[in-house]
PDB file of N, CA and C in Angstrom:
ATOM      1  N   MET A   1     -18.665 -21.007  12.496  1.00  0.00           N
ATOM      2  CA  MET A   1     -18.166 -20.039  13.101  1.00  0.00           C
ATOM      3  C   MET A   1     -16.608 -20.463  12.567  1.00  0.00           C
ATOM      4  N   PRO A   2     -15.674 -19.748  11.977  1.00  0.00           N
ATOM      5  CA  PRO A   2     -14.337 -19.688  11.466  1.00  0.00           C
ATOM      6  C   PRO A   2     -13.264 -20.203  12.584  1.00  0.00           C
ATOM      7  N   GLY A   3     -12.626 -20.870  12.066  1.00  0.00           N
ATOM      8  CA  GLY A   3     -11.159 -21.369  13.888  1.00  0.00           C
ATOM      9  C   GLY A   3     -10.189 -20.528  13.380  1.00  0.00           C
ATOM     10  N   MET A   4      -9.756 -20.312  14.757  1.00  0.00           N
ATOM     11  CA  MET A   4      -8.565 -19.300  15.139  1.00  0.00           C
ATOM     12  C   MET A   4      -7.417 -19.228  13.979  1.00  0.00           C
ATOM     13  N   GLY A   5      -7.380 -19.932  13.125  1.00  0.00           N
ATOM     14  CA  GLY A   5      -6.438 -19.708  12.479  1.00  0.00           C
ATOM     15  C   GLY A   5      -6.675 -18.751  10.904  1.00  0.00           C
ATOM     16  N   GLN A   6      -7.843 -18.354  11.239  1.00  0.00           N
ATOM     17  CA  GLN A   6      -8.440 -18.321   9.635  1.00  0.00           C
ATOM     18  C   GLN A   6      -8.664 -17.067   9.890  1.00  0.00           C
ATOM     19  N   ARG A   7      -9.348 -16.866  11.466  1.00  0.00           N
ATOM     20  CA  ARG A   7      -9.525 -15.012  11.204  1.00  0.00           C
ATOM     21  C   ARG A   7      -7.549 -15.279  11.713  1.00  0.00           C
ATOM     22  N   THR A   8      -6.508 -15.510  12.190  1.00  0.00           N
ATOM     23  CA  THR A   8      -4.980 -15.204  12.059  1.00  0.00           C
ATOM     24  C   THR A   8      -4.995 -14.670  10.760  1.00  0.00           C
ATOM     25  N   GLN A   9      -5.041 -15.753  10.315  1.00  0.00           N
ATOM     26  CA  GLN A   9      -5.146 -15.089   8.392  1.00  0.00           C
ATOM     27  C   GLN A   9      -5.545 -13.736   8.269  1.00  0.00           C
ATOM     28  N   ALA A  10      -6.507 -14.081   8.234  1.00  0.00           N
ATOM     29  CA  ALA A  10      -6.874 -12.925   7.756  1.00  0.00           C
ATOM     30  C   ALA A  10      -6.839 -11.387   8.600  1.00  0.00           C
ATOM     31  N   ALA A  11      -6.274 -11.513   9.827  1.00  0.00           N
ATOM     32  CA  ALA A  11      -6.320  -9.937  10.578  1.00  0.00           C
ATOM     33  C   ALA A  11      -4.681 -10.232  10.257  1.00  0.00           C
ATOM     34  N   ALA A  12      -3.901 -10.581   9.359  1.00  0.00           N
ATOM     35  CA  ALA A  12      -2.580 -10.608   8.794  1.00  0.00           C
ATOM     36  C   ALA A  12      -3.022 -10.345   7.940  1.00  0.00           C
ATOM     37  N   GLY A  13      -3.891 -11.147   7.043  1.00  0.00           N
ATOM     38  CA  GLY A  13      -4.284  -9.885   6.097  1.00  0.00           C
ATOM     39  C   GLY A  13      -4.742  -8.555   5.202  1.00  0.00           C
ATOM     40  N   CYS A  14      -5.173  -8.268   6.952  1.00  0.00           N
ATOM     41  CA  CYS A  14      -5.586  -7.187   6.136  1.00  0.00           C
ATOM     42  C   CYS A  14      -4.326  -6.382   6.849  1.00  0.00           C
ATOM     43  N   LEU A  15      -3.389  -6.632   8.239  1.00  0.00           N
ATOM     44  CA  LEU A  15      -2.566  -5.605   8.974  1.00  0.00           C
ATOM     45  C   LEU A  15      -1.734  -5.819   8.076  1.00  0.00           C
ATOM     46  N   THR A  16      -1.783  -6.548   7.355  1.00  0.00           N
ATOM     47  CA  THR A  16      -0.656  -6.485   5.542  1.00  0.00           C
ATOM     48  C   THR A  16      -0.537  -5.141   4.618  1.00  0.00           C
ATOM     49  N   ALA A  17      -1.598  -5.310   4.169  1.00  0.00           N
ATOM     50  CA  ALA A  17      -2.615  -4.579   4.141  1.00  0.00           C
ATOM     51  C   ALA A  17      -2.575  -2.249   4.132  1.00  0.00           C
ATOM     52  N   GLY A  18      -2.673  -3.093   4.989  1.00  0.00           N
ATOM     53  CA  GLY A  18      -2.546  -1.355   6.531  1.00  0.00           C
ATOM     54  C   GLY A  18      -1.416  -1.149   5.890  1.00  0.00           C
ATOM     55  N   ILE A  19       0.086  -1.836   5.959  1.00  0.00           N
ATOM     56  CA  ILE A  19       1.257  -1.596   6.051  1.00  0.00           C
ATOM     57  C   ILE A  19       1.766  -1.327   4.701  1.00  0.00           C
ATOM     58  N   GLY A  20       1.558  -2.591   3.334  1.00  0.00           N
ATOM     59  CA  GLY A  20       1.258  -1.374   2.208  1.00  0.00           C
ATOM     60  C   GLY A  20       0.701   0.010   2.107  1.00  0.00           C
ATOM     61  N   ALA A  21      -0.574   0.414   2.333  1.00  0.00           N
ATOM     62  CA  ALA A  21      -0.908   0.917   2.215  1.00  0.00           C
ATOM     63  C   ALA A  21      -0.167   2.500   3.119  1.00  0.00           C
ATOM     64  N   GLY A  22       0.395   2.317   3.898  1.00  0.00           N
ATOM     65  CA  GLY A  22       2.005   3.088   5.049  1.00  0.00           C
ATOM     66  C   GLY A  22       3.343   3.164   4.522  1.00  0.00           C
ATOM     67  N   ALA A  23       3.795   2.068   3.704  1.00  0.00           N
ATOM     68  CA  ALA A  23       4.535   2.252   2.911  1.00  0.00           C
ATOM     69  C   ALA A  23       3.915   3.117   0.688  1.00  0.00           C
ATOM     70  N   GLY A  24       3.213   2.871   0.760  1.00  0.00           N
ATOM     71  CA  GLY A  24       2.863   4.239  -0.184  1.00  0.00           C
ATOM     72  C   GLY A  24       2.834   5.169  -0.293  1.00  0.00           C
ATOM     73  N   LEU A  25       2.302   5.390   1.220  1.00  0.00           N
ATOM     74  CA  LEU A  25       2.298   7.533   1.476  1.00  0.00           C
ATOM     75  C   LEU A  25       3.100   6.895   1.506  1.00  0.00           C
ATOM     76  N   ALA A  26       4.752   5.965   2.317  1.00  0.00           N
ATOM     77  CA  ALA A  26       5.758   6.928   2.754  1.00  0.00           C
ATOM     78  C   ALA A  26       7.109   7.143   1.110  1.00  0.00           C
ATOM     79  N   VAL A  27       6.727   6.584   0.323  1.00  0.00           N
ATOM     80  CA  VAL A  27       6.701   6.119  -0.758  1.00  0.00           C
ATOM     81  C   VAL A  27       6.415   7.556  -2.360  1.00  0.00           C
ATOM     82  N   TRP A  28       5.476   7.555  -1.154  1.00  0.00           N
ATOM     83  CA  TRP A  28       4.444   9.356  -2.690  1.00  0.00           C
ATOM     84  C   TRP A  28       4.710  10.746  -1.936  1.00  0.00           C
ATOM     85  N   SER A  29       5.295  10.921   0.034  1.00  0.00           N
ATOM     86  CA  SER A  29       5.624  12.148  -0.171  1.00  0.00           C
ATOM     87  C   SER A  29       6.896  12.204   0.229  1.00  0.00           C
ATOM     88  N   VAL A  30       8.084  11.808  -0.893  1.00  0.00           N
ATOM     89  CA  VAL A  30       8.898  12.211  -0.725  1.00  0.00           C
ATOM     90  C   VAL A  30       8.790  13.217  -1.710  1.00  0.00           C
ATOM     91  N   ASP A  31      10.109  13.599  -1.621  1.00  0.00           N
ATOM     92  CA  ASP A  31       9.157  15.433  -2.565  1.00  0.00           C
ATOM     93  C   ASP A  31       8.596  16.300  -2.648  1.00  0.00           C
ATOM     94  N   VAL A  32       6.865  15.649  -2.226  1.00  0.00           N
ATOM     95  CA  VAL A  32       5.432  15.618  -2.801  1.00  0.00           C
ATOM     96  C   VAL A  32       5.282  17.252  -3.361  1.00  0.00           C
ATOM     97  N   ARG A  33       6.795  18.456  -2.099  1.00  0.00           N
ATOM     98  CA  ARG A  33       5.934  19.805  -2.275  1.00  0.00           C
ATOM     99  C   ARG A  33       6.902  20.288  -4.146  1.00  0.00           C
ATOM    100  N   LYS A  34       8.221  19.821  -4.200  1.00  0.00           N
ATOM    101  CA  LYS A  34       8.341  19.621  -5.533  1.00  0.00           C
ATOM    102  C   LYS A  34       7.791  19.757  -6.289  1.00  0.00           C
ATOM    103  N   ARG A  35       7.301  17.590  -6.405  1.00  0.00           N
ATOM    104  CA  ARG A  35       6.496  17.834  -7.368  1.00  0.00           C
ATOM    105  C   ARG A  35       5.105  18.827  -7.865  1.00  0.00           C
ATOM    106  N   LEU A  36       4.475  18.720  -6.169  1.00  0.00           N
ATOM    107  CA  LEU A  36       3.005  19.748  -6.381  1.00  0.00           C
ATOM    108  C   LEU A  36       3.484  21.309  -7.396  1.00  0.00           C
ATOM    109  N   TRP A  37       4.954  21.674  -6.424  1.00  0.00           N
ATOM    110  CA  TRP A  37       4.613  23.141  -7.151  1.00  0.00           C
ATOM    111  C   TRP A  37       6.070  23.317  -8.016  1.00  0.00           C
ATOM    112  N   ARG A  38       5.520  21.902  -9.047  1.00  0.00           N
ATOM    113  CA  ARG A  38       6.236  21.625 -10.389  1.00  0.00           C
ATOM    114  C   ARG A  38       6.720  22.755 -11.392  1.00  0.00           C
ATOM    115  N   PHE A  39       4.794  24.090 -11.313  1.00  0.00           N
ATOM    116  CA  PHE A  39       4.850  24.174 -12.523  1.00  0.00           C
ATOM    117  C   PHE A  39       5.137  26.091 -11.532  1.00  0.00           C
ATOM    118  N   GLU A  40       6.306  27.358 -12.257  1.00  0.00           N
ATOM    119  CA  GLU A  40       5.763  27.968 -11.574  1.00  0.00           C
ATOM    120  C   GLU A  40       3.658  29.149 -11.466  1.00  0.00           C
ATOM    121  N   ALA A  41       3.312  28.192 -12.127  1.00  0.00           N
ATOM    122  CA  ALA A  41       1.696  29.239 -12.428  1.00  0.00           C
ATOM    123  C   ALA A  41       1.010  28.747 -11.243  1.00  0.00           C
ATOM    124  N   ALA A  42       1.150  27.184 -11.548  1.00  0.00           N
ATOM    125  CA  ALA A  42      -0.230  27.128 -10.362  1.00  0.00           C
ATOM    126  C   ALA A  42       0.130  25.513 -10.380  1.00  0.00           C
ATOM    127  N   PRO A  43      -0.743  25.390  -9.266  1.00  0.00           N
ATOM    128  CA  PRO A  43      -0.064  24.402  -8.412  1.00  0.00           C
ATOM    129  C   PRO A  43      -0.479  22.795  -9.846  1.00  0.00           C
ATOM    130  N   ASP A  44       0.339  21.747  -9.719  1.00  0.00           N
ATOM    131  CA  ASP A  44      -0.086  20.755  -9.937  1.00  0.00           C
ATOM    132  C   ASP A  44      -1.095  19.685  -9.341  1.00  0.00           C
ATOM    133  N   TRP A  45      -2.382  19.843  -9.522  1.00  0.00           N
ATOM    134  CA  TRP A  45      -3.018  18.933  -8.869  1.00  0.00           C
ATOM    135  C   TRP A  45      -2.952  17.434  -9.212  1.00  0.00           C
ATOM    136  N   SER A  46      -3.003  17.026 -10.371  1.00  0.00           N
ATOM    137  CA  SER A  46      -2.678  15.457 -10.110  1.00  0.00           C
ATOM    138  C   SER A  46      -1.929  14.858  -9.181  1.00  0.00           C
ATOM    139  N   VAL A  47      -0.838  15.420  -8.713  1.00  0.00           N
ATOM    140  CA  VAL A  47      -0.063  14.676  -7.511  1.00  0.00           C
ATOM    141  C   VAL A  47      -1.097  14.199  -6.442  1.00  0.00           C
ATOM    142  N   LEU A  48      -2.544  14.776  -6.662  1.00  0.00           N
ATOM    143  CA  LEU A  48      -2.627  14.816  -5.710  1.00  0.00           C
ATOM    144  C   LEU A  48      -4.293  13.728  -5.697  1.00  0.00           C
ATOM    145  N   TYR A  49      -4.895  13.870  -7.261  1.00  0.00           N
ATOM    146  CA  TYR A  49      -5.900  12.969  -7.470  1.00  0.00           C
ATOM    147  C   TYR A  49      -4.905  11.779  -8.312  1.00  0.00           C
ATOM    148  N   ALA A  50      -4.084  11.861  -8.645  1.00  0.00           N
ATOM    149  CA  ALA A  50      -3.895  11.114  -9.653  1.00  0.00           C
ATOM    150  C   ALA A  50      -2.106  10.215  -8.699  1.00  0.00           C
ATOM    151  N   GLU A  51      -1.898  10.462  -8.459  1.00  0.00           N
ATOM    152  CA  GLU A  51      -0.282   9.959  -7.858  1.00  0.00           C
ATOM    153  C   GLU A  51      -0.629   8.488  -6.317  1.00  0.00           C
ATOM    154  N   LEU A  52      -1.150  10.240  -5.582  1.00  0.00           N
ATOM    155  CA  LEU A  52      -1.886   9.580  -4.391  1.00  0.00           C
ATOM    156  C   LEU A  52      -1.783   8.630  -4.148  1.00  0.00           C
ATOM    157  N   PRO A  53      -3.997   8.002  -4.659  1.00  0.00           N
ATOM    158  CA  PRO A  53      -4.285   7.027  -5.207  1.00  0.00           C
ATOM    159  C   PRO A  53      -3.563   6.509  -5.776  1.00  0.00           C
ATOM    160  N   LEU A  54      -2.464   5.802  -6.755  1.00  0.00           N
ATOM    161  CA  LEU A  54      -1.919   5.301  -7.508  1.00  0.00           C
ATOM    162  C   LEU A  54      -1.061   4.679  -6.367  1.00  0.00           C
ATOM    163  N   ALA A  55       0.013   5.830  -5.512  1.00  0.00           N
ATOM    164  CA  ALA A  55       1.463   5.180  -4.171  1.00  0.00           C
ATOM    165  C   ALA A  55       0.845   3.694  -4.225  1.00  0.00           C
ATOM    166  N   ILE A  56      -0.507   4.377  -3.115  1.00  0.00           N
ATOM    167  CA  ILE A  56      -1.545   4.345  -2.439  1.00  0.00           C
ATOM    168  C   ILE A  56      -2.166   2.575  -2.038  1.00  0.00           C
ATOM    169  N   LEU A  57      -2.071   2.404  -3.573  1.00  0.00           N
ATOM    170  CA  LEU A  57      -3.043   1.040  -4.486  1.00  0.00           C
ATOM    171  C   LEU A  57      -1.655   0.139  -5.229  1.00  0.00           C
ATOM    172  N   GLY A  58      -0.486   0.497  -5.799  1.00  0.00           N
ATOM    173  CA  GLY A  58       0.589   0.303  -5.218  1.00  0.00           C
ATOM    174  C   GLY A  58       1.018  -0.795  -3.949  1.00  0.00           C
ATOM    175  N   GLY A  59       1.220   0.007  -2.865  1.00  0.00           N
ATOM    176  CA  GLY A  59       1.837  -0.217  -1.550  1.00  0.00           C
ATOM    177  C   GLY A  59       1.126  -1.662  -1.091  1.00  0.00           C
ATOM    178  N   VAL A  60      -0.126  -1.521  -1.325  1.00  0.00           N
ATOM    179  CA  VAL A  60      -1.495  -2.442  -0.952  1.00  0.00           C
ATOM    180  C   VAL A  60      -1.033  -4.000  -1.529  1.00  0.00           C
ATOM    181  N   ALA A  61      -1.168  -3.772  -3.432  1.00  0.00           N
ATOM    182  CA  ALA A  61      -0.811  -4.823  -3.905  1.00  0.00           C
ATOM    183  C   ALA A  61       0.056  -5.313  -3.982  1.00  0.00           C
ATOM    184  N   ALA A  62       1.694  -4.411  -4.029  1.00  0.00           N
ATOM    185  CA  ALA A  62       3.339  -4.728  -3.785  1.00  0.00           C
ATOM    186  C   ALA A  62       2.458  -5.598  -2.299  1.00  0.00           C
ATOM    187  N   ALA A  63       2.297  -5.915  -1.232  1.00  0.00           N
ATOM    188  CA  ALA A  63       2.311  -6.076   0.356  1.00  0.00           C
ATOM    189  C   ALA A  63       1.617  -7.322  -0.174  1.00  0.00           C
ATOM    190  N   LEU A  64       0.289  -7.133  -0.585  1.00  0.00           N
ATOM    191  CA  LEU A  64      -1.019  -8.447  -0.208  1.00  0.00           C
ATOM    192  C   LEU A  64       0.075  -9.438  -1.371  1.00  0.00           C
ATOM    193  N   ALA A  65       0.364  -9.019  -2.339  1.00  0.00           N
ATOM    194  CA  ALA A  65       1.463  -9.998  -3.760  1.00  0.00           C
ATOM    195  C   ALA A  65       2.145 -10.725  -2.243  1.00  0.00           C
ATOM    196  N   SER A  66       2.710  -9.904  -1.801  1.00  0.00           N
ATOM    197  CA  SER A  66       4.379 -10.880  -1.871  1.00  0.00           C
ATOM    198  C   SER A  66       3.816 -11.827  -0.128  1.00  0.00           C
ATOM    199  N   TRP A  67       2.916 -11.114   0.647  1.00  0.00           N
ATOM    200  CA  TRP A  67       2.007 -12.244   1.969  1.00  0.00           C
ATOM    201  C   TRP A  67       1.430 -13.742   0.909  1.00  0.00           C
ATOM    202  N   ALA A  68       0.759 -13.000  -0.317  1.00  0.00           N
ATOM    203  CA  ALA A  68       0.023 -14.428  -0.323  1.00  0.00           C
ATOM    204  C   ALA A  68       1.678 -15.216  -0.664  1.00  0.00           C
ATOM    205  N   LEU A  69       2.724 -14.596  -1.475  1.00  0.00           N
ATOM    206  CA  LEU A  69       3.914 -15.312  -1.510  1.00  0.00           C
ATOM    207  C   LEU A  69       4.465 -15.958  -1.107  1.00  0.00           C
ATOM    208  N   LEU A  70       4.393 -15.071   0.414  1.00  0.00           N
ATOM    209  CA  LEU A  70       5.027 -16.219   0.818  1.00  0.00           C
ATOM    210  C   LEU A  70       3.596 -17.279   1.641  1.00  0.00           C
ATOM    211  N   ARG A  71       3.019 -16.828   1.645  1.00  0.00           N
ATOM    212  CA  ARG A  71       1.798 -17.675   2.854  1.00  0.00           C
ATOM    213  C   ARG A  71       1.567 -19.594   1.784  1.00  0.00           C
ATOM    214  N   ARG A  72       2.377 -18.907   0.195  1.00  0.00           N
ATOM    215  CA  ARG A  72       2.370 -20.091  -0.545  1.00  0.00           C
ATOM    216  C   ARG A  72       3.523 -20.903  -0.328  1.00  0.00           C
ATOM    217  N   LEU A  73       5.113 -20.729   0.084  1.00  0.00           N
ATOM    218  CA  LEU A  73       5.753 -20.711   0.165  1.00  0.00           C
ATOM    219  C   LEU A  73       5.866 -22.190   1.774  1.00  0.00           C
ATOM    220  N   ARG A  74       5.125 -21.061   2.486  1.00  0.00           N
ATOM    221  CA  ARG A  74       5.577 -21.156   3.769  1.00  0.00           C
ATOM    222  C   ARG A  74       4.581 -23.641   3.326  1.00  0.00           C
ATOM    223  N   PRO A  75       5.699 -24.327   4.233  1.00  0.00           N
ATOM    224  CA  PRO A  75       4.896 -25.326   4.044  1.00  0.00           C
ATOM    225  C   PRO A  75       4.030 -25.823   5.096  1.00  0.00           C
ATOM    226  N   ARG A  76       2.831 -26.406   4.616  1.00  0.00           N
ATOM    227  CA  ARG A  76       1.753 -26.921   5.509  1.00  0.00           C
ATOM    228  C   ARG A  76       1.963 -27.933   6.208  1.00  0.00           C
ATOM    229  N   ARG A  77       0.904 -28.115   7.693  1.00  0.00           N
ATOM    230  CA  ARG A  77       0.876 -29.022   9.179  1.00  0.00           C
ATOM    231  C   ARG A  77       0.410 -30.122   8.750  1.00  0.00           C
TER     232      ARG A  77
END
């Protein structure tokens, strides 16, 4: 059974990924209406099926990379 320290680290990693996904969603949502209705004829659906997943994955990747960097820089006991 994993120790309490490993559980805490796993929970922190999951929480960091969730925060990163939320940050990616927040960045994506800025001016989304303007980007969705970029053209007069029809909406640009690539904003939803291309930009949204990339923004969320980018937020998760950035948050987990920074979490891993901070863990590596932290001195061990």
